[in-house]
Structures are given as structure tokens and as C-alpha cells.
């Protein structure tokens, strides 16, 4: 009796897993140099500028291979999109790019200076070089956290609709 209950439970879980993966949500990804710069799924709010300079905004109702249907029942071709809003785009990490390098270098210099003063190799306190390091860390933080409102879809950016079989598909956001 217990073996049959375990088999039924396994079959139910297997059917739920198959149903989940067979009806996986489609995503539209914006790729630049092989890296995903933006990802939107069905149901996400999407604000963009068309190449004829009309702003459109709405929720993505359905994604097809070359276009999307919004909540206003507009069919938008991927090739007609000029800019997208970056509010939904997640920033990468603090350690990426010039801003991350400046931020880490400035705070690293201050930390190393404090360790040297605790060890007795230098005099303690906050001197002029620590102030410059703090200014470099602040400029790096500004470069990290200040981002443009819109991303231009220019040369080198491709737009693709992906499903669960694609390497660009991300299950949990």
C-alpha cells in the first residue's frame, strides 16, 4: 500500500514538472556582445520609444518571435524599438567597470592606511592622502549608482524572444 502511494506521488510530481516546463514563460532579452543587458517577461511593465518617436508604455501581454503585444493591444515589432526604459534593468555588481575599480581602490587604500597606523608603521589619523582616496571612492560610487533613464537600442544590440531551452533564459528573477 505504501509503495503505490509513493508511486502515485512521484507520478503527480512528474506531471507537474512536465507541465511547468512545457508552459514556461517566454522572455524578451536584449543582448550586447553576448551579455544580457535587459530582460522582460510576459506581464512586465515596458516603456519604450519607437523609431517614429512615439512613446509607448504598457504591460507585455504576449511575446512572439519578432514582436510583442502590449496591454493596449498594440503589436510592436522588435525592429521598431529605439530606446527602452532602464528602470526595470538591474545593475550588474559593484565591482564592475571603472566606477567599481575606483570605489574598491579608494576604500582599500583607506583600509590599508588604517591597518598600517594600528600596526605602528605610520602615524594615525586622517591625512590628506586619505581624503583623496575618499574622493576617489566617492567618484567611483557616483559612477556605479548614477545610470541613464533610457538605453538606446543601437548597433550591436540584438533583441530575442527566448524560452526555457535558451541559454539566456532565467527561471527566477
N, C-alpha and C. Protein backbone atom coordinates (compact mmCIF):
# COMPACT_ATOMS: atom_id res chain seq x y z
N UNK A 1 0.83 -1.19 0.00
CA UNK A 1 0.00 0.00 0.00
C UNK A 1 0.87 1.25 0.00
N UNK A 2 1.94 1.27 0.72
CA UNK A 2 2.79 2.43 0.80
C UNK A 2 3.57 2.64 -0.48
N UNK A 3 3.95 1.55 -1.15
CA UNK A 3 4.67 1.68 -2.42
C UNK A 3 3.78 2.31 -3.49
N UNK A 4 2.53 1.95 -3.52
CA UNK A 4 1.63 2.52 -4.54
C UNK A 4 1.38 4.01 -4.27
N UNK A 5 1.31 4.40 -3.01
CA UNK A 5 1.13 5.82 -2.69
C UNK A 5 2.37 6.62 -3.10
N UNK A 6 3.54 6.04 -2.91
CA UNK A 6 4.77 6.71 -3.31
C UNK A 6 4.86 6.82 -4.83
N UNK A 7 4.41 5.79 -5.52
CA UNK A 7 4.42 5.83 -7.00
C UNK A 7 3.45 6.90 -7.50
N UNK A 8 2.24 6.96 -6.91
CA UNK A 8 1.27 7.98 -7.31
C UNK A 8 1.80 9.39 -7.03
N UNK A 9 2.44 9.57 -5.90
CA UNK A 9 3.01 10.88 -5.57
C UNK A 9 4.11 11.25 -6.56
N UNK A 10 4.95 10.29 -6.91
CA UNK A 10 6.01 10.53 -7.90
C UNK A 10 5.42 10.90 -9.25
N UNK A 11 4.37 10.20 -9.68
CA UNK A 11 3.75 10.50 -10.98
C UNK A 11 3.08 11.88 -10.98
N UNK A 12 2.49 12.24 -9.87
CA UNK A 12 1.88 13.58 -9.77
C UNK A 12 2.95 14.66 -9.84
N UNK A 13 4.04 14.49 -9.11
CA UNK A 13 5.12 15.48 -9.15
C UNK A 13 5.77 15.54 -10.52
N UNK A 14 5.92 14.39 -11.18
CA UNK A 14 6.49 14.37 -12.52
C UNK A 14 5.58 15.09 -13.51
N UNK A 15 4.28 14.90 -13.40
CA UNK A 15 3.36 15.58 -14.32
C UNK A 15 3.34 17.09 -14.06
N UNK A 16 3.46 17.51 -12.81
CA UNK A 16 3.53 18.94 -12.51
C UNK A 16 4.80 19.54 -13.08
N UNK A 17 5.92 18.84 -12.96
CA UNK A 17 7.19 19.30 -13.50
C UNK A 17 7.13 19.42 -15.02
N UNK A 18 6.57 18.44 -15.68
CA UNK A 18 6.44 18.48 -17.14
C UNK A 18 5.53 19.63 -17.57
N UNK A 19 4.43 19.83 -16.86
CA UNK A 19 3.51 20.92 -17.19
C UNK A 19 4.17 22.28 -16.99
N UNK A 20 4.98 22.40 -15.96
CA UNK A 20 5.66 23.67 -15.69
C UNK A 20 6.65 24.01 -16.79
N UNK A 21 7.46 23.04 -17.19
CA UNK A 21 8.46 23.31 -18.20
C UNK A 21 7.88 23.40 -19.61
N UNK A 22 6.76 22.74 -19.85
CA UNK A 22 6.19 22.82 -21.19
C UNK A 22 5.46 24.14 -21.41
N UNK A 23 5.00 24.78 -20.35
CA UNK A 23 4.33 26.06 -20.49
C UNK A 23 5.14 27.17 -19.84
N UNK A 24 6.45 27.10 -19.96
CA UNK A 24 7.31 28.09 -19.33
C UNK A 24 7.08 29.46 -19.95
N UNK A 25 7.28 30.47 -19.17
CA UNK A 25 7.04 31.83 -19.60
C UNK A 25 8.11 32.27 -20.59
N UNK A 26 7.69 32.95 -21.63
CA UNK A 26 8.63 33.47 -22.62
C UNK A 26 9.24 34.76 -22.09
N UNK A 27 10.44 35.05 -22.56
CA UNK A 27 11.13 36.27 -22.16
C UNK A 27 11.68 36.95 -23.40
N UNK A 28 11.75 38.27 -23.37
CA UNK A 28 12.45 39.01 -24.41
C UNK A 28 13.74 39.53 -23.77
N UNK A 29 14.86 39.25 -24.42
CA UNK A 29 16.16 39.66 -23.89
C UNK A 29 16.83 40.60 -24.88
N UNK A 30 17.56 41.55 -24.34
CA UNK A 30 18.34 42.50 -25.12
C UNK A 30 19.80 42.12 -24.90
N UNK A 31 20.48 41.74 -25.97
CA UNK A 31 21.85 41.24 -25.89
C UNK A 31 22.82 42.25 -26.49
N UNK A 32 23.94 42.46 -25.83
CA UNK A 32 25.01 43.28 -26.35
C UNK A 32 26.32 42.56 -26.08
N UNK A 33 27.02 42.21 -27.13
CA UNK A 33 28.28 41.46 -27.06
C UNK A 33 28.11 40.14 -26.31
N UNK A 34 26.97 39.48 -26.48
CA UNK A 34 26.73 38.19 -25.85
C UNK A 34 26.28 38.28 -24.41
N UNK A 35 26.14 39.47 -23.86
CA UNK A 35 25.69 39.66 -22.48
C UNK A 35 24.28 40.20 -22.47
N UNK A 36 23.46 39.72 -21.55
CA UNK A 36 22.09 40.20 -21.42
C UNK A 36 22.12 41.54 -20.69
N UNK A 37 21.63 42.60 -21.37
CA UNK A 37 21.60 43.91 -20.73
C UNK A 37 20.21 44.24 -20.19
N UNK A 38 19.17 43.56 -20.69
CA UNK A 38 17.81 43.76 -20.18
C UNK A 38 17.00 42.49 -20.43
N UNK A 39 16.07 42.22 -19.54
CA UNK A 39 15.23 41.03 -19.66
C UNK A 39 13.82 41.40 -19.22
N UNK A 40 12.83 41.07 -20.05
CA UNK A 40 11.44 41.33 -19.72
C UNK A 40 10.64 40.06 -19.98
N UNK A 41 9.67 39.78 -19.13
CA UNK A 41 8.80 38.61 -19.31
C UNK A 41 7.38 39.09 -19.57
N UNK A 42 6.53 38.15 -19.92
CA UNK A 42 5.12 38.49 -20.12
C UNK A 42 4.55 38.95 -18.79
N UNK A 43 3.89 40.09 -18.79
CA UNK A 43 3.34 40.67 -17.58
C UNK A 43 4.15 41.81 -17.02
N UNK A 44 5.38 42.00 -17.50
CA UNK A 44 6.21 43.11 -17.02
C UNK A 44 5.77 44.43 -17.65
N UNK A 45 5.96 45.52 -16.90
CA UNK A 45 5.70 46.85 -17.42
C UNK A 45 6.87 47.23 -18.32
N UNK A 46 6.55 47.77 -19.49
CA UNK A 46 7.55 48.03 -20.51
C UNK A 46 7.30 49.41 -21.10
N UNK A 47 8.29 50.30 -20.99
CA UNK A 47 8.18 51.65 -21.54
C UNK A 47 9.30 51.81 -22.57
N UNK A 48 8.94 52.27 -23.77
CA UNK A 48 9.92 52.33 -24.84
C UNK A 48 9.57 53.42 -25.83
N UNK A 49 10.56 53.80 -26.63
CA UNK A 49 10.41 54.79 -27.68
C UNK A 49 10.53 54.07 -29.02
N UNK A 50 9.55 54.32 -29.89
CA UNK A 50 9.61 53.73 -31.22
C UNK A 50 10.48 54.58 -32.14
N UNK A 51 10.88 54.02 -33.26
CA UNK A 51 11.73 54.76 -34.19
C UNK A 51 11.01 55.92 -34.86
N UNK A 52 9.68 55.93 -34.82
CA UNK A 52 8.93 57.08 -35.33
C UNK A 52 8.67 58.12 -34.23
N UNK A 53 9.43 58.03 -33.11
CA UNK A 53 9.45 58.97 -31.99
C UNK A 53 8.12 59.04 -31.24
N UNK A 54 7.44 57.92 -31.09
CA UNK A 54 6.24 57.82 -30.26
C UNK A 54 6.58 56.98 -29.04
N UNK A 55 6.25 57.51 -27.86
CA UNK A 55 6.46 56.76 -26.63
C UNK A 55 5.31 55.80 -26.44
N UNK A 56 5.62 54.59 -26.05
CA UNK A 56 4.60 53.58 -25.74
C UNK A 56 4.90 53.04 -24.35
N UNK A 57 3.84 52.69 -23.65
CA UNK A 57 4.00 52.15 -22.30
C UNK A 57 2.86 51.19 -22.04
N UNK A 58 3.17 50.10 -21.38
CA UNK A 58 2.13 49.14 -21.05
C UNK A 58 2.74 47.85 -20.56
N UNK A 59 1.88 46.90 -20.31
CA UNK A 59 2.31 45.59 -19.87
C UNK A 59 2.43 44.67 -21.08
N UNK A 60 3.40 43.79 -21.05
CA UNK A 60 3.59 42.84 -22.14
C UNK A 60 2.56 41.73 -21.97
N UNK A 61 1.65 41.60 -22.94
CA UNK A 61 0.63 40.56 -22.87
C UNK A 61 1.10 39.26 -23.48
N UNK A 62 1.78 39.37 -24.64
CA UNK A 62 2.21 38.16 -25.33
C UNK A 62 3.48 38.46 -26.11
N UNK A 63 4.37 37.48 -26.16
CA UNK A 63 5.61 37.60 -26.92
C UNK A 63 5.60 36.60 -28.06
N UNK A 64 5.95 37.07 -29.24
CA UNK A 64 6.13 36.18 -30.38
C UNK A 64 7.59 36.26 -30.79
N UNK A 65 7.97 35.59 -31.87
CA UNK A 65 9.37 35.54 -32.25
C UNK A 65 9.93 36.91 -32.65
N UNK A 66 9.12 37.75 -33.28
CA UNK A 66 9.63 39.02 -33.79
C UNK A 66 8.86 40.24 -33.30
N UNK A 67 7.89 40.05 -32.41
CA UNK A 67 7.10 41.19 -31.94
C UNK A 67 6.51 40.87 -30.58
N UNK A 68 5.87 41.88 -30.00
CA UNK A 68 5.19 41.72 -28.72
C UNK A 68 3.84 42.40 -28.81
N UNK A 69 2.91 41.92 -28.01
CA UNK A 69 1.59 42.52 -27.91
C UNK A 69 1.50 43.11 -26.52
N UNK A 70 1.15 44.40 -26.45
CA UNK A 70 1.07 45.08 -25.16
C UNK A 70 -0.35 45.05 -24.64
N UNK A 71 -0.55 45.59 -23.43
CA UNK A 71 -1.87 45.60 -22.81
C UNK A 71 -2.84 46.51 -23.54
N UNK A 72 -2.33 47.43 -24.35
CA UNK A 72 -3.20 48.31 -25.14
C UNK A 72 -3.53 47.67 -26.48
N UNK A 73 -3.19 46.38 -26.63
CA UNK A 73 -3.41 45.61 -27.85
C UNK A 73 -2.67 46.17 -29.05
N UNK A 74 -1.50 46.75 -28.79
CA UNK A 74 -0.61 47.19 -29.85
C UNK A 74 0.37 46.07 -30.14
N UNK A 75 0.56 45.78 -31.42
CA UNK A 75 1.59 44.81 -31.81
C UNK A 75 2.82 45.60 -32.17
N UNK A 76 3.90 45.41 -31.42
CA UNK A 76 5.12 46.17 -31.59
C UNK A 76 6.20 45.24 -32.13
N UNK A 77 6.75 45.57 -33.26
CA UNK A 77 7.85 44.81 -33.83
C UNK A 77 9.13 45.14 -33.05
N UNK A 78 9.97 44.14 -32.84
CA UNK A 78 11.22 44.38 -32.12
C UNK A 78 12.13 45.34 -32.89
N UNK A 79 12.04 45.33 -34.22
CA UNK A 79 12.90 46.20 -35.03
C UNK A 79 12.49 47.66 -34.96
N UNK A 80 11.27 47.95 -34.48
CA UNK A 80 10.82 49.34 -34.41
C UNK A 80 11.13 50.01 -33.09
N UNK A 81 11.79 49.31 -32.16
CA UNK A 81 12.11 49.88 -30.85
C UNK A 81 13.45 50.60 -30.92
N UNK A 82 13.46 51.89 -30.48
CA UNK A 82 14.69 52.68 -30.49
C UNK A 82 15.33 52.77 -29.10
N UNK A 83 14.54 53.02 -28.06
CA UNK A 83 15.04 53.12 -26.68
C UNK A 83 14.11 52.36 -25.76
N UNK A 84 14.68 51.87 -24.65
CA UNK A 84 13.87 51.23 -23.62
C UNK A 84 14.16 51.89 -22.28
N UNK A 85 13.19 51.87 -21.41
CA UNK A 85 13.37 52.42 -20.07
C UNK A 85 14.26 51.48 -19.26
N UNK A 86 15.18 52.05 -18.50
CA UNK A 86 16.11 51.24 -17.73
C UNK A 86 15.69 51.06 -16.28
N UNK A 87 14.48 51.45 -15.92
CA UNK A 87 14.05 51.30 -14.54
C UNK A 87 13.95 49.84 -14.13
N UNK A 88 13.60 48.98 -15.06
CA UNK A 88 13.47 47.55 -14.74
C UNK A 88 14.78 46.80 -14.91
N UNK A 89 15.81 47.46 -15.43
CA UNK A 89 17.08 46.79 -15.66
C UNK A 89 17.88 46.80 -14.37
N UNK A 90 18.31 45.64 -13.96
CA UNK A 90 19.10 45.53 -12.75
C UNK A 90 20.55 45.89 -13.04
N UNK A 91 21.18 46.59 -12.12
CA UNK A 91 22.61 46.89 -12.25
C UNK A 91 23.40 45.62 -12.04
N UNK A 92 24.57 45.58 -12.61
CA UNK A 92 25.39 44.38 -12.52
C UNK A 92 25.92 44.30 -11.10
N UNK A 93 27.17 44.44 -10.85
CA UNK A 93 27.69 44.37 -9.49
C UNK A 93 28.55 45.59 -9.22
N UNK A 94 28.88 45.81 -7.96
CA UNK A 94 29.66 46.98 -7.58
C UNK A 94 31.07 46.89 -8.16
N UNK A 95 31.59 45.69 -8.32
CA UNK A 95 32.97 45.56 -8.76
C UNK A 95 33.13 45.60 -10.27
N UNK A 96 32.12 46.01 -11.01
CA UNK A 96 32.25 46.01 -12.47
C UNK A 96 32.56 47.41 -12.98
N UNK A 97 33.44 47.48 -13.93
CA UNK A 97 33.73 48.72 -14.62
C UNK A 97 34.67 49.65 -13.88
N UNK A 98 34.84 50.83 -14.44
CA UNK A 98 35.74 51.84 -13.89
C UNK A 98 35.26 52.34 -12.53
N UNK A 99 33.93 52.53 -12.38
CA UNK A 99 33.40 53.00 -11.11
C UNK A 99 33.65 52.03 -9.98
N UNK A 100 33.49 50.75 -10.26
CA UNK A 100 33.75 49.73 -9.24
C UNK A 100 35.21 49.68 -8.85
N UNK A 101 36.10 49.82 -9.86
CA UNK A 101 37.54 49.80 -9.56
C UNK A 101 37.93 51.00 -8.72
N UNK A 102 37.38 52.19 -9.03
CA UNK A 102 37.70 53.38 -8.23
C UNK A 102 37.17 53.25 -6.81
N UNK A 103 35.95 52.72 -6.67
CA UNK A 103 35.33 52.56 -5.35
C UNK A 103 36.14 51.61 -4.48
N UNK A 104 36.50 50.46 -5.03
CA UNK A 104 37.26 49.47 -4.28
C UNK A 104 38.67 49.96 -3.97
N UNK A 105 39.31 50.63 -4.94
CA UNK A 105 40.67 51.13 -4.73
C UNK A 105 40.70 52.21 -3.64
N UNK A 106 39.73 53.13 -3.66
CA UNK A 106 39.70 54.19 -2.65
C UNK A 106 39.47 53.65 -1.25
N UNK A 107 38.49 52.78 -1.10
CA UNK A 107 38.24 52.20 0.22
C UNK A 107 39.36 51.26 0.65
N UNK A 108 39.96 50.56 -0.31
CA UNK A 108 41.09 49.68 0.00
C UNK A 108 42.28 50.46 0.51
N UNK A 109 42.56 51.63 -0.10
CA UNK A 109 43.68 52.46 0.35
C UNK A 109 43.43 52.97 1.77
N UNK A 110 42.21 53.40 2.05
CA UNK A 110 41.90 53.88 3.40
C UNK A 110 42.04 52.75 4.41
N UNK A 111 41.55 51.56 4.06
CA UNK A 111 41.67 50.41 4.98
C UNK A 111 43.13 50.04 5.21
N UNK A 112 43.94 50.03 4.15
CA UNK A 112 45.36 49.70 4.29
C UNK A 112 46.08 50.75 5.13
N UNK A 113 45.73 52.02 4.95
CA UNK A 113 46.34 53.08 5.74
C UNK A 113 45.99 52.93 7.22
N UNK A 114 44.76 52.55 7.52
CA UNK A 114 44.35 52.37 8.91
C UNK A 114 45.03 51.16 9.54
N UNK A 115 45.19 50.09 8.77
CA UNK A 115 45.90 48.92 9.28
C UNK A 115 47.35 49.26 9.58
N UNK A 116 48.00 50.04 8.71
CA UNK A 116 49.39 50.45 8.96
C UNK A 116 49.50 51.34 10.20
N UNK A 117 48.50 52.21 10.42
CA UNK A 117 48.57 53.06 11.61
C UNK A 117 48.34 52.24 12.88
N UNK A 118 47.47 51.22 12.83
CA UNK A 118 47.27 50.37 14.01
C UNK A 118 48.51 49.53 14.30
N UNK A 119 49.24 49.15 13.25
CA UNK A 119 50.45 48.35 13.44
C UNK A 119 51.62 49.21 13.90
N UNK A 120 51.49 50.52 13.79
CA UNK A 120 52.54 51.42 14.26
C UNK A 120 53.53 51.82 13.19
N UNK A 121 53.29 51.51 11.93
CA UNK A 121 54.21 51.88 10.86
C UNK A 121 54.06 53.32 10.42
N UNK A 122 52.88 53.88 10.56
CA UNK A 122 52.64 55.29 10.22
C UNK A 122 51.89 55.93 11.38
N UNK A 123 51.86 57.28 11.35
CA UNK A 123 51.10 57.96 12.39
C UNK A 123 49.61 57.84 12.07
N UNK A 124 48.82 57.77 13.10
CA UNK A 124 47.38 57.60 12.93
C UNK A 124 46.71 58.88 12.49
N UNK A 125 45.45 58.75 12.13
CA UNK A 125 44.68 59.91 11.76
C UNK A 125 44.26 59.86 10.30
N UNK A 126 43.57 60.91 9.96
CA UNK A 126 43.01 61.03 8.62
C UNK A 126 43.76 62.16 7.92
N UNK A 127 44.75 61.81 7.10
CA UNK A 127 45.58 62.83 6.47
C UNK A 127 45.07 63.17 5.06
N UNK A 128 45.87 63.96 4.34
CA UNK A 128 45.47 64.44 3.01
C UNK A 128 45.31 63.30 2.01
N UNK A 129 46.17 62.29 2.07
CA UNK A 129 46.06 61.18 1.12
C UNK A 129 44.79 60.35 1.36
N UNK A 130 44.37 60.26 2.62
CA UNK A 130 43.12 59.56 2.90
C UNK A 130 41.92 60.34 2.37
N UNK A 131 42.00 61.65 2.40
CA UNK A 131 40.95 62.48 1.83
C UNK A 131 40.85 62.31 0.33
N UNK A 132 42.01 62.21 -0.36
CA UNK A 132 42.00 61.98 -1.80
C UNK A 132 41.44 60.59 -2.12
N UNK A 133 41.80 59.60 -1.30
CA UNK A 133 41.28 58.25 -1.51
C UNK A 133 39.77 58.21 -1.30
N UNK A 134 39.28 58.97 -0.32
CA UNK A 134 37.85 59.05 -0.09
C UNK A 134 37.14 59.73 -1.26
N UNK A 135 37.77 60.75 -1.85
CA UNK A 135 37.20 61.41 -3.02
C UNK A 135 37.15 60.46 -4.21
N UNK A 136 38.18 59.63 -4.39
CA UNK A 136 38.18 58.65 -5.48
C UNK A 136 37.08 57.61 -5.25
N UNK A 137 36.91 57.16 -4.01
CA UNK A 137 35.84 56.20 -3.70
C UNK A 137 34.46 56.82 -3.94
N UNK A 138 34.31 58.09 -3.61
CA UNK A 138 33.03 58.77 -3.84
C UNK A 138 32.73 58.92 -5.32
N UNK A 139 33.76 59.26 -6.12
CA UNK A 139 33.56 59.35 -7.56
C UNK A 139 33.22 57.99 -8.16
N UNK A 140 33.85 56.94 -7.64
CA UNK A 140 33.52 55.59 -8.10
C UNK A 140 32.10 55.21 -7.75
N UNK A 141 31.65 55.57 -6.55
CA UNK A 141 30.27 55.28 -6.15
C UNK A 141 29.28 56.03 -7.03
N UNK A 142 29.61 57.27 -7.40
CA UNK A 142 28.74 58.03 -8.29
C UNK A 142 28.65 57.36 -9.66
N UNK A 143 29.78 56.85 -10.16
CA UNK A 143 29.76 56.15 -11.44
C UNK A 143 28.96 54.86 -11.38
N UNK A 144 28.94 54.21 -10.23
CA UNK A 144 28.19 52.96 -10.10
C UNK A 144 26.69 53.23 -10.02
N UNK A 145 26.28 54.18 -9.21
CA UNK A 145 24.87 54.32 -8.90
C UNK A 145 24.12 55.30 -9.79
N UNK A 146 24.81 56.13 -10.54
CA UNK A 146 24.14 57.03 -11.47
C UNK A 146 24.06 56.33 -12.81
N UNK A 147 22.85 56.16 -13.31
CA UNK A 147 22.67 55.49 -14.58
C UNK A 147 21.66 56.27 -15.42
N UNK A 148 21.71 56.13 -16.74
CA UNK A 148 20.77 56.86 -17.59
C UNK A 148 19.35 56.30 -17.45
N UNK A 149 18.36 57.14 -17.79
CA UNK A 149 16.97 56.72 -17.70
C UNK A 149 16.58 55.76 -18.82
N UNK A 150 17.24 55.88 -19.97
CA UNK A 150 16.88 55.07 -21.12
C UNK A 150 18.12 54.48 -21.76
N UNK A 151 17.98 53.30 -22.34
CA UNK A 151 19.06 52.62 -23.04
C UNK A 151 18.71 52.61 -24.52
N UNK A 152 19.61 53.16 -25.34
CA UNK A 152 19.40 53.20 -26.78
C UNK A 152 19.69 51.83 -27.38
N UNK A 153 18.78 51.37 -28.20
CA UNK A 153 18.97 50.10 -28.91
C UNK A 153 19.69 50.45 -30.20
N UNK A 154 21.00 50.34 -30.16
CA UNK A 154 21.82 50.78 -31.29
C UNK A 154 22.50 49.58 -31.92
N UNK A 155 23.46 49.87 -32.71
CA UNK A 155 24.21 48.82 -33.40
C UNK A 155 24.89 47.91 -32.37
N UNK A 156 24.78 46.63 -32.58
CA UNK A 156 25.38 45.67 -31.66
C UNK A 156 24.43 45.14 -30.62
N UNK A 157 23.24 45.72 -30.48
CA UNK A 157 22.24 45.24 -29.53
C UNK A 157 21.21 44.43 -30.32
N UNK A 158 21.03 43.19 -29.92
CA UNK A 158 20.02 42.35 -30.57
C UNK A 158 18.91 42.05 -29.59
N UNK A 159 17.72 41.87 -30.12
CA UNK A 159 16.54 41.59 -29.32
C UNK A 159 16.05 40.20 -29.71
N UNK A 160 15.89 39.34 -28.71
CA UNK A 160 15.44 37.98 -28.98
C UNK A 160 14.36 37.58 -28.00
N UNK A 161 13.42 36.78 -28.52
CA UNK A 161 12.44 36.14 -27.66
C UNK A 161 13.00 34.76 -27.33
N UNK A 162 13.10 34.43 -26.05
CA UNK A 162 13.67 33.16 -25.64
C UNK A 162 12.66 32.40 -24.79
N UNK A 163 12.82 31.08 -24.76
CA UNK A 163 12.01 30.25 -23.88
C UNK A 163 12.96 29.42 -23.02
N UNK A 164 12.43 28.43 -22.35
CA UNK A 164 13.22 27.68 -21.37
C UNK A 164 14.38 26.91 -21.98
N UNK A 165 14.42 26.70 -23.29
CA UNK A 165 15.50 25.94 -23.92
C UNK A 165 16.72 26.81 -24.23
N UNK A 166 16.60 28.11 -24.15
CA UNK A 166 17.67 29.02 -24.50
C UNK A 166 18.66 29.17 -23.34
N UNK A 167 19.95 29.37 -23.65
CA UNK A 167 20.92 29.62 -22.57
C UNK A 167 20.72 30.99 -21.92
N UNK A 168 19.97 31.89 -22.55
CA UNK A 168 19.73 33.22 -21.98
C UNK A 168 18.50 33.26 -21.08
N UNK A 169 17.77 32.16 -21.00
CA UNK A 169 16.56 32.10 -20.18
C UNK A 169 16.95 32.07 -18.71
N UNK A 170 16.25 32.85 -17.91
CA UNK A 170 16.48 32.88 -16.46
C UNK A 170 15.17 32.55 -15.78
N UNK A 171 15.18 31.48 -14.98
CA UNK A 171 13.94 31.00 -14.37
C UNK A 171 13.42 31.94 -13.30
N UNK A 172 14.23 32.31 -12.35
CA UNK A 172 13.81 33.21 -11.27
C UNK A 172 14.47 34.56 -11.46
N UNK A 173 13.69 35.63 -11.28
CA UNK A 173 14.26 36.95 -11.44
C UNK A 173 14.59 37.56 -10.14
